[in-house]
Amino acid sequence: MSRISDHVNQRPARASQPEQAPDFSFTPATREKAKARLALMGVSGSGKTWTGLRLAHGLAGRFAVIDTERGAASKYAGINGVTFDTLQLHTYHPQNLIGALAAAANAGYEAVLVDSLSHFWSGTEGTLEQVDRAAKKGFGGNTFAGWKEGTPLQNAMVDALLSYPGHVVATMRAHTEWSLERNDRGQLEPKRLGTRPEQRRGVEYEFDVVGQMDTDNRLTIIKSRCPALHALAVERPDGAALAKTLLDWLNDGAAGVDPATYVDRATDPEITFEELGELRAEVDSRGLQATPLLDPADGSATTLGDYIRARGLALKASQ
C-alpha cells in the first residue's frame, strides 16, 4: 500500500507549453486595408449562388468558384458579364478545400467563392464523416472521442479559408423549418425559414459579414463589421452595389502586408536557416500561418507555417 507521503511528494505534471512563445508586446492599434470575409446562408432557392457570384465579381476582376453544388454556379456564367473559372469537387474532406484554396492562391485569383461550405461539414468525406470514421476506428464507436481527430481538421480548414490571400465569399445551406405566416391577402400559408447554417455551430462568427437569404430572395445582414451594411435588408440584392460598399470599407486604411511576399521569401532557394526563423516569427505575429500554398517541390497543398517549418527542419538537418 502506498503511503500518503508518496503522493504528497510527487510533483504535478507540467502543463504542455507552446512550441514557440508568442511576443506579448502591445503596440498601437492601426486600421489596415483588408480582404473580404463574407458568408451567405439560406434555404434552397433563396439565391445564395447568384448573389455570391455577383459579390465575387464586384470584389475582384478575376475570381474562381470552388463548386460542390454539381455545377450550379456555371449555369450563371456570362450573365450580366459575370465570368469566372471553376473547380468542381465531388468529395469534401476538409483537406480538399485547403488544397483547392492553395491552388487558387497559386493561380493568383483575387477572390474565391466557395459554393458551398456546407458540404465540407456534412457531405461525402466531410468533417462529420471523418469524426464517425475516427470513432469507429480508434474509439469503439465513441463519436465524442472521434472529435479528437475531427476538430483539428475542421479548424485547419477554417483557418486556411480565412487566411486566403484574397477576398472570400462562402455560401452555406441553412437548416430548414416551416412556419405559418399570413400572406398579402391575409391568409395563412407555410413558409420555409432558414434557422442556422449547415456547418459547425458558431462558424458565422469567423466572418466579417454574414447575410441570410429567404425564399423571396430577400437578403438580411445578420452580422457586419462594416457599419454601412449593419442590419441591411434588401429585396433581390444587387451584389455589385454591395461589393462596392464593402470595398470602400475594406480599402479605408493603411496598406497591409501581402501574404504573397511571405510566400516568396519562404520559397526563396537561397534563404538561410536563420532567415527562416525570422520569417516564421513575422508570419506568426501576423497570424498568417494558415495561408494556403502549393509546395514548389512537389505541388502538394500545404500552409505557409507548415512549409516554413519543414524547410527549417530540412536546412537544419543538412548543416
Protein backbone atom coordinates (compact mmCIF):
# COMPACT_ATOMS: atom_id res chain seq x y z
CA MET A 1 0.00 0.00 0.00
CA SER A 2 1.39 3.40 -0.90
CA ARG A 3 1.89 5.95 1.80
CA ILE A 4 0.25 9.38 1.84
CA SER A 5 3.71 10.98 1.80
CA ASP A 6 4.43 9.24 -1.51
CA HIS A 7 1.58 11.13 -3.12
CA VAL A 8 2.38 14.41 -1.38
CA ASN A 9 5.96 14.33 -2.62
CA GLN A 10 5.01 13.60 -6.21
CA ARG A 11 5.41 16.62 -8.48
CA PRO A 12 2.37 17.56 -10.52
CA ALA A 13 2.69 17.03 -14.25
CA ARG A 14 3.78 20.15 -16.08
CA ALA A 15 1.26 21.63 -18.46
CA SER A 16 2.25 21.48 -22.11
CA GLN A 17 3.91 24.64 -23.37
CA PRO A 18 3.52 26.35 -26.75
CA GLU A 19 6.03 25.22 -29.35
CA GLN A 20 7.19 28.82 -29.64
CA ALA A 21 6.34 31.52 -27.10
CA PRO A 22 4.46 34.42 -28.74
CA ASP A 23 5.57 38.02 -28.45
CA PHE A 24 3.41 39.66 -25.77
CA SER A 25 4.42 43.24 -26.62
CA PHE A 26 1.45 45.59 -27.10
CA THR A 27 1.55 48.10 -29.97
CA PRO A 28 -0.79 50.92 -31.03
CA ALA A 29 -3.81 49.65 -32.97
CA THR A 30 -3.89 50.70 -36.62
CA ARG A 31 -6.53 50.12 -39.25
CA GLU A 32 -5.19 48.32 -42.31
CA LYS A 33 -6.67 47.50 -45.67
CA ALA A 34 -8.18 44.03 -45.64
CA LYS A 35 -9.82 41.38 -47.79
CA ALA A 36 -13.49 40.45 -47.68
CA ARG A 37 -14.61 37.58 -45.49
CA LEU A 38 -18.29 37.19 -46.28
CA ALA A 39 -20.80 34.38 -45.85
CA LEU A 40 -24.30 33.91 -47.28
CA MET A 41 -26.69 31.39 -45.75
CA GLY A 42 -30.16 30.36 -46.83
CA VAL A 43 -32.53 27.60 -47.86
CA SER A 44 -32.70 26.11 -51.35
CA GLY A 45 -33.90 28.64 -53.91
CA SER A 46 -33.06 31.70 -51.85
CA GLY A 47 -30.48 33.00 -54.34
CA LYS A 48 -27.23 32.30 -52.49
CA THR A 49 -25.24 31.19 -55.53
CA TRP A 50 -26.19 34.06 -57.83
CA THR A 51 -25.75 36.66 -55.09
CA GLY A 52 -22.39 35.13 -54.20
CA LEU A 53 -21.28 35.29 -57.83
CA ARG A 54 -22.30 38.93 -58.14
CA LEU A 55 -20.47 39.77 -54.94
CA ALA A 56 -17.28 37.99 -56.00
CA HIS A 57 -17.47 39.65 -59.43
CA GLY A 58 -17.83 43.04 -57.77
CA LEU A 59 -14.94 42.40 -55.39
CA ALA A 60 -12.43 41.23 -58.00
CA GLY A 61 -11.97 41.28 -61.75
CA ARG A 62 -10.76 37.68 -61.75
CA PHE A 63 -12.19 35.11 -59.39
CA ALA A 64 -12.65 31.37 -59.04
CA VAL A 65 -15.51 29.21 -57.79
CA ILE A 66 -14.88 26.11 -55.70
CA ASP A 67 -18.07 24.28 -56.64
CA THR A 68 -19.65 21.49 -54.57
CA GLU A 69 -23.15 22.04 -55.99
CA ARG A 70 -22.79 19.92 -59.15
CA GLY A 71 -22.05 22.84 -61.45
CA ALA A 72 -24.83 25.12 -60.21
CA ALA A 73 -22.66 28.25 -60.42
CA SER A 74 -21.66 27.54 -64.02
CA LYS A 75 -25.29 27.86 -65.11
CA TYR A 76 -24.93 31.61 -64.49
CA ALA A 77 -21.67 32.02 -66.41
CA GLY A 78 -21.75 35.04 -68.71
CA ILE A 79 -24.99 36.52 -67.34
CA ASN A 80 -24.60 40.27 -66.73
CA GLY A 81 -20.94 39.95 -67.63
CA VAL A 82 -20.12 37.60 -64.73
CA THR A 83 -17.27 35.33 -65.85
CA PHE A 84 -15.14 33.07 -63.69
CA ASP A 85 -13.10 29.88 -63.54
CA THR A 86 -14.44 26.89 -61.68
CA LEU A 87 -13.22 23.78 -59.90
CA GLN A 88 -15.80 21.09 -59.22
CA LEU A 89 -15.22 18.83 -56.24
CA HIS A 90 -17.12 15.62 -55.58
CA THR A 91 -15.66 14.61 -52.20
CA TYR A 92 -15.38 17.06 -49.37
CA HIS A 93 -12.63 16.11 -46.96
CA PRO A 94 -11.56 19.35 -45.21
CA GLN A 95 -8.09 18.89 -46.70
CA ASN A 96 -9.65 19.07 -50.17
CA LEU A 97 -10.78 22.63 -49.52
CA ILE A 98 -7.31 23.53 -48.25
CA GLY A 99 -5.86 22.06 -51.45
CA ALA A 100 -8.31 23.95 -53.64
CA LEU A 101 -7.56 27.22 -51.85
CA ALA A 102 -3.82 26.60 -52.24
CA ALA A 103 -4.28 26.03 -55.98
CA ALA A 104 -6.39 29.19 -56.28
CA ALA A 105 -3.78 31.23 -54.41
CA ASN A 106 -1.03 29.79 -56.59
CA ALA A 107 -3.01 30.80 -59.70
CA GLY A 108 -3.39 34.35 -58.38
CA TYR A 109 -7.17 34.57 -58.13
CA GLU A 110 -8.10 37.81 -56.39
CA ALA A 111 -11.22 36.24 -54.91
CA VAL A 112 -12.76 32.81 -54.38
CA LEU A 113 -16.37 31.79 -53.97
CA VAL A 114 -16.91 28.55 -52.04
CA ASP A 115 -20.32 27.24 -53.07
CA SER A 116 -21.00 25.71 -50.65
CA LEU A 117 -19.08 25.41 -47.41
CA SER A 118 -21.78 23.11 -46.00
CA HIS A 119 -20.53 20.11 -47.99
CA PHE A 120 -17.21 20.18 -46.15
CA TRP A 121 -19.19 19.67 -42.97
CA SER A 122 -21.91 17.15 -43.81
CA GLY A 123 -21.08 15.94 -47.33
CA THR A 124 -19.19 12.88 -48.52
CA GLU A 125 -15.90 12.63 -46.55
CA GLY A 126 -16.72 15.91 -44.78
CA THR A 127 -15.88 16.66 -41.16
CA LEU A 128 -18.83 14.71 -39.72
CA GLU A 129 -17.87 11.63 -41.72
CA GLN A 130 -14.25 11.96 -40.56
CA VAL A 131 -15.45 12.08 -36.95
CA ASP A 132 -17.58 8.95 -37.41
CA ARG A 133 -14.72 7.16 -39.14
CA ALA A 134 -12.27 8.05 -36.36
CA ALA A 135 -14.78 6.98 -33.69
CA LYS A 136 -15.27 3.55 -35.27
CA LYS A 137 -11.59 3.03 -36.00
CA GLY A 138 -9.97 4.00 -32.74
CA PHE A 139 -12.57 4.80 -30.10
CA GLY A 140 -15.03 1.91 -30.19
CA GLY A 141 -17.74 3.97 -31.87
CA ASN A 142 -17.50 6.82 -29.35
CA THR A 143 -18.36 9.82 -31.56
CA PHE A 144 -17.42 12.29 -28.83
CA ALA A 145 -13.89 10.89 -28.80
CA GLY A 146 -13.85 10.99 -32.61
CA TRP A 147 -13.77 14.78 -32.42
CA LYS A 148 -10.17 14.44 -31.26
CA GLU A 149 -9.37 13.97 -34.94
CA GLY A 150 -12.29 15.88 -36.43
CA THR A 151 -11.74 19.18 -34.64
CA PRO A 152 -8.16 19.76 -35.89
CA LEU A 153 -9.30 19.01 -39.46
CA GLN A 154 -12.19 21.46 -39.19
CA ASN A 155 -10.06 24.16 -37.58
CA ALA A 156 -7.30 23.82 -40.17
CA MET A 157 -9.86 24.18 -42.97
CA VAL A 158 -11.46 27.31 -41.49
CA ASP A 159 -8.03 28.82 -40.80
CA ALA A 160 -6.98 28.27 -44.42
CA LEU A 161 -10.22 29.82 -45.67
CA LEU A 162 -9.76 32.93 -43.52
CA SER A 163 -6.07 33.18 -44.45
CA TYR A 164 -6.62 33.10 -48.21
CA PRO A 165 -4.60 35.99 -49.75
CA GLY A 166 -7.66 37.45 -51.48
CA HIS A 167 -11.37 38.02 -50.98
CA VAL A 168 -13.50 35.09 -49.77
CA VAL A 169 -17.23 34.61 -50.28
CA ALA A 170 -18.77 31.40 -48.90
CA THR A 171 -22.32 30.16 -49.21
CA MET A 172 -23.85 27.83 -46.65
CA ARG A 173 -27.06 25.86 -46.72
CA ALA A 174 -29.44 26.58 -43.86
CA HIS A 175 -31.36 24.12 -41.74
CA THR A 176 -34.98 24.40 -42.88
CA GLU A 177 -38.02 24.90 -40.69
CA TRP A 178 -41.60 25.68 -41.69
CA SER A 179 -43.71 28.49 -40.28
CA LEU A 180 -47.32 29.55 -40.90
CA GLU A 181 -47.39 33.21 -41.89
CA ARG A 182 -50.05 35.48 -43.33
CA ASN A 183 -49.62 36.48 -46.95
CA ASP A 184 -50.62 39.79 -48.52
CA ARG A 185 -54.21 38.51 -48.75
CA GLY A 186 -54.35 37.84 -45.03
CA GLN A 187 -54.31 34.08 -45.46
CA LEU A 188 -52.06 31.72 -43.55
CA GLU A 189 -49.58 29.85 -45.71
CA PRO A 190 -46.49 27.76 -44.94
CA LYS A 191 -43.15 29.43 -45.45
CA ARG A 192 -39.67 27.89 -45.39
CA LEU A 193 -37.28 29.52 -42.95
CA GLY A 194 -33.53 29.06 -42.64
CA THR A 195 -32.57 28.80 -38.99
CA ARG A 196 -28.81 28.26 -38.84
CA PRO A 197 -26.08 27.28 -41.31
CA GLU A 198 -25.25 23.65 -42.04
CA GLN A 199 -21.76 23.94 -40.68
CA ARG A 200 -20.15 23.66 -37.30
CA ARG A 201 -22.13 25.70 -34.81
CA GLY A 202 -20.69 29.20 -34.47
CA VAL A 203 -18.85 29.26 -37.81
CA GLU A 204 -20.60 32.54 -38.67
CA TYR A 205 -18.51 34.29 -36.01
CA GLU A 206 -15.45 33.80 -38.22
CA PHE A 207 -16.72 36.10 -41.00
CA ASP A 208 -16.80 39.89 -41.11
CA VAL A 209 -20.17 39.97 -42.86
CA VAL A 210 -22.92 37.34 -42.75
CA GLY A 211 -26.11 37.56 -44.76
CA GLN A 212 -29.24 35.43 -44.55
CA MET A 213 -31.44 34.92 -47.61
CA ASP A 214 -35.05 33.74 -47.74
CA THR A 215 -37.27 32.22 -50.41
CA ASP A 216 -38.32 35.71 -51.57
CA ASN A 217 -34.66 36.39 -52.42
CA ARG A 218 -34.52 38.92 -49.62
CA LEU A 219 -31.09 39.45 -48.06
CA THR A 220 -30.80 40.43 -44.41
CA ILE A 221 -27.37 41.20 -42.98
CA ILE A 222 -27.36 39.50 -39.58
CA LYS A 223 -23.75 40.34 -38.73
CA SER A 224 -21.46 43.05 -40.07
CA ARG A 225 -18.23 44.67 -39.01
CA CYS A 226 -18.80 47.08 -41.91
CA PRO A 227 -21.02 49.85 -40.44
CA ALA A 228 -22.64 50.69 -43.80
CA LEU A 229 -24.02 47.14 -44.08
CA HIS A 230 -25.22 46.77 -40.49
CA ALA A 231 -28.77 45.35 -40.33
CA LEU A 232 -29.27 45.97 -44.06
CA ALA A 233 -32.34 44.30 -45.58
CA VAL A 234 -32.85 44.36 -49.35
CA GLU A 235 -35.04 42.57 -51.90
CA ARG A 236 -33.19 40.82 -54.76
CA PRO A 237 -29.84 42.33 -53.73
CA ASP A 238 -27.51 43.93 -56.25
CA GLY A 239 -24.29 42.09 -55.44
CA ALA A 240 -22.19 44.64 -57.35
CA ALA A 241 -23.50 47.52 -55.24
CA LEU A 242 -22.95 45.55 -52.03
CA ALA A 243 -19.40 44.72 -53.16
CA LYS A 244 -18.64 48.41 -53.75
CA THR A 245 -19.86 49.34 -50.28
CA LEU A 246 -17.77 46.57 -48.78
CA LEU A 247 -14.66 47.52 -50.79
CA ASP A 248 -14.93 51.16 -49.67
CA TRP A 249 -14.75 49.94 -46.08
CA LEU A 250 -12.04 47.33 -46.69
CA ASN A 251 -9.78 49.81 -48.50
CA ASP A 252 -10.10 52.53 -45.86
CA GLY A 253 -6.82 52.04 -44.03
CA ALA A 254 -3.07 51.80 -44.26
CA ALA A 255 -1.54 49.35 -46.71
CA GLY A 256 -1.48 45.91 -45.14
CA VAL A 257 1.03 43.13 -45.65
CA ASP A 258 0.53 40.99 -48.73
CA PRO A 259 0.85 37.30 -47.73
CA ALA A 260 2.39 36.68 -51.17
CA THR A 261 5.54 38.49 -50.04
CA TYR A 262 5.97 35.97 -47.23
CA VAL A 263 5.37 33.10 -49.63
CA ASP A 264 8.05 34.48 -51.96
CA ARG A 265 10.52 34.74 -49.09
CA ALA A 266 9.70 31.25 -47.78
CA THR A 267 10.21 29.66 -51.21
CA ASP A 268 13.44 31.54 -51.97
CA PRO A 269 16.01 28.78 -52.64
CA GLU A 270 18.77 30.95 -51.12
CA ILE A 271 17.11 31.54 -47.75
CA THR A 272 19.14 30.53 -44.69
CA PHE A 273 18.06 28.70 -41.56
CA GLU A 274 18.38 31.90 -39.52
CA GLU A 275 16.34 33.88 -42.04
CA LEU A 276 13.64 31.21 -41.94
CA GLY A 277 13.47 31.60 -38.16
CA GLU A 278 12.98 35.36 -38.52
CA LEU A 279 10.38 34.81 -41.22
CA ARG A 280 8.47 32.35 -39.07
CA ALA A 281 8.33 34.87 -36.23
CA GLU A 282 6.96 37.52 -38.62
CA VAL A 283 4.37 35.15 -40.05
CA ASP A 284 3.27 34.11 -36.56
CA SER A 285 2.96 37.73 -35.43
CA ARG A 286 0.74 38.50 -38.43
CA GLY A 287 -1.42 35.40 -37.91
CA LEU A 288 -0.66 34.13 -41.41
CA GLN A 289 0.47 30.60 -40.55
CA ALA A 290 -2.58 29.06 -42.25
CA THR A 291 -2.12 30.86 -45.59
CA PRO A 292 -2.67 28.08 -48.19
CA LEU A 293 0.02 27.43 -50.81
CA LEU A 294 1.36 24.73 -53.08
CA ASP A 295 4.76 23.26 -52.22
CA PRO A 296 7.07 24.32 -55.11
CA ALA A 297 8.90 21.00 -54.88
CA ASP A 298 6.02 18.60 -55.49
CA GLY A 299 2.88 20.71 -55.90
CA SER A 300 1.26 19.31 -52.75
CA ALA A 301 -1.10 21.52 -50.75
CA THR A 302 0.31 22.93 -47.54
CA THR A 303 0.22 26.08 -45.43
CA LEU A 304 2.76 28.83 -45.04
CA GLY A 305 3.52 27.90 -41.43
CA ASP A 306 3.96 24.20 -42.19
CA TYR A 307 6.11 24.94 -45.23
CA ILE A 308 8.44 27.24 -43.28
CA ARG A 309 8.70 24.63 -40.51
CA ALA A 310 9.50 21.84 -42.99
CA ARG A 311 12.11 23.94 -44.79
CA GLY A 312 13.72 24.85 -41.49
CA LEU A 313 13.97 21.19 -40.44
CA ALA A 314 15.45 20.26 -43.81
CA LEU A 315 18.05 23.02 -43.65
CA LYS A 316 18.96 22.16 -40.09
CA ALA A 317 19.41 18.51 -41.00
CA SER A 318 21.71 19.44 -43.87
CA GLN A 319 24.02 21.57 -41.72
